Amino acid sequence: MQRASEMAGATPIRAAQDEATTGFPVREYISAMALELAQMARWDGDEALGRLLESAAALAGEPLSRSGAQLAEPGRRRPA
């Protein structure tokens, strides 16, 4: 039986591969959900969590082939 930590490492890679074959925009969906969660966190008064989720949304909006994991600066948005 696999532990959750072992399974979690394989899931994102498989999801990204599935996106290429099925056309389902996984990263776009993650980005949209993270933005909604950021808004919810801010409504609840948690600005730090809101900034972190916004950074996650920005990262999910980047191409999968990025070299290295670089987080966007909190509180800054990508130019449209």
Foldseek 3Di string as FASTA:
>chain_A
DDDPVVVVVVVVVVVVVVCVVVVPLPLQVQLVVLQVVLVVCVVVVNNVSSQVSNQSSQQSPDDPPDDDDDTDDGPDDDDD
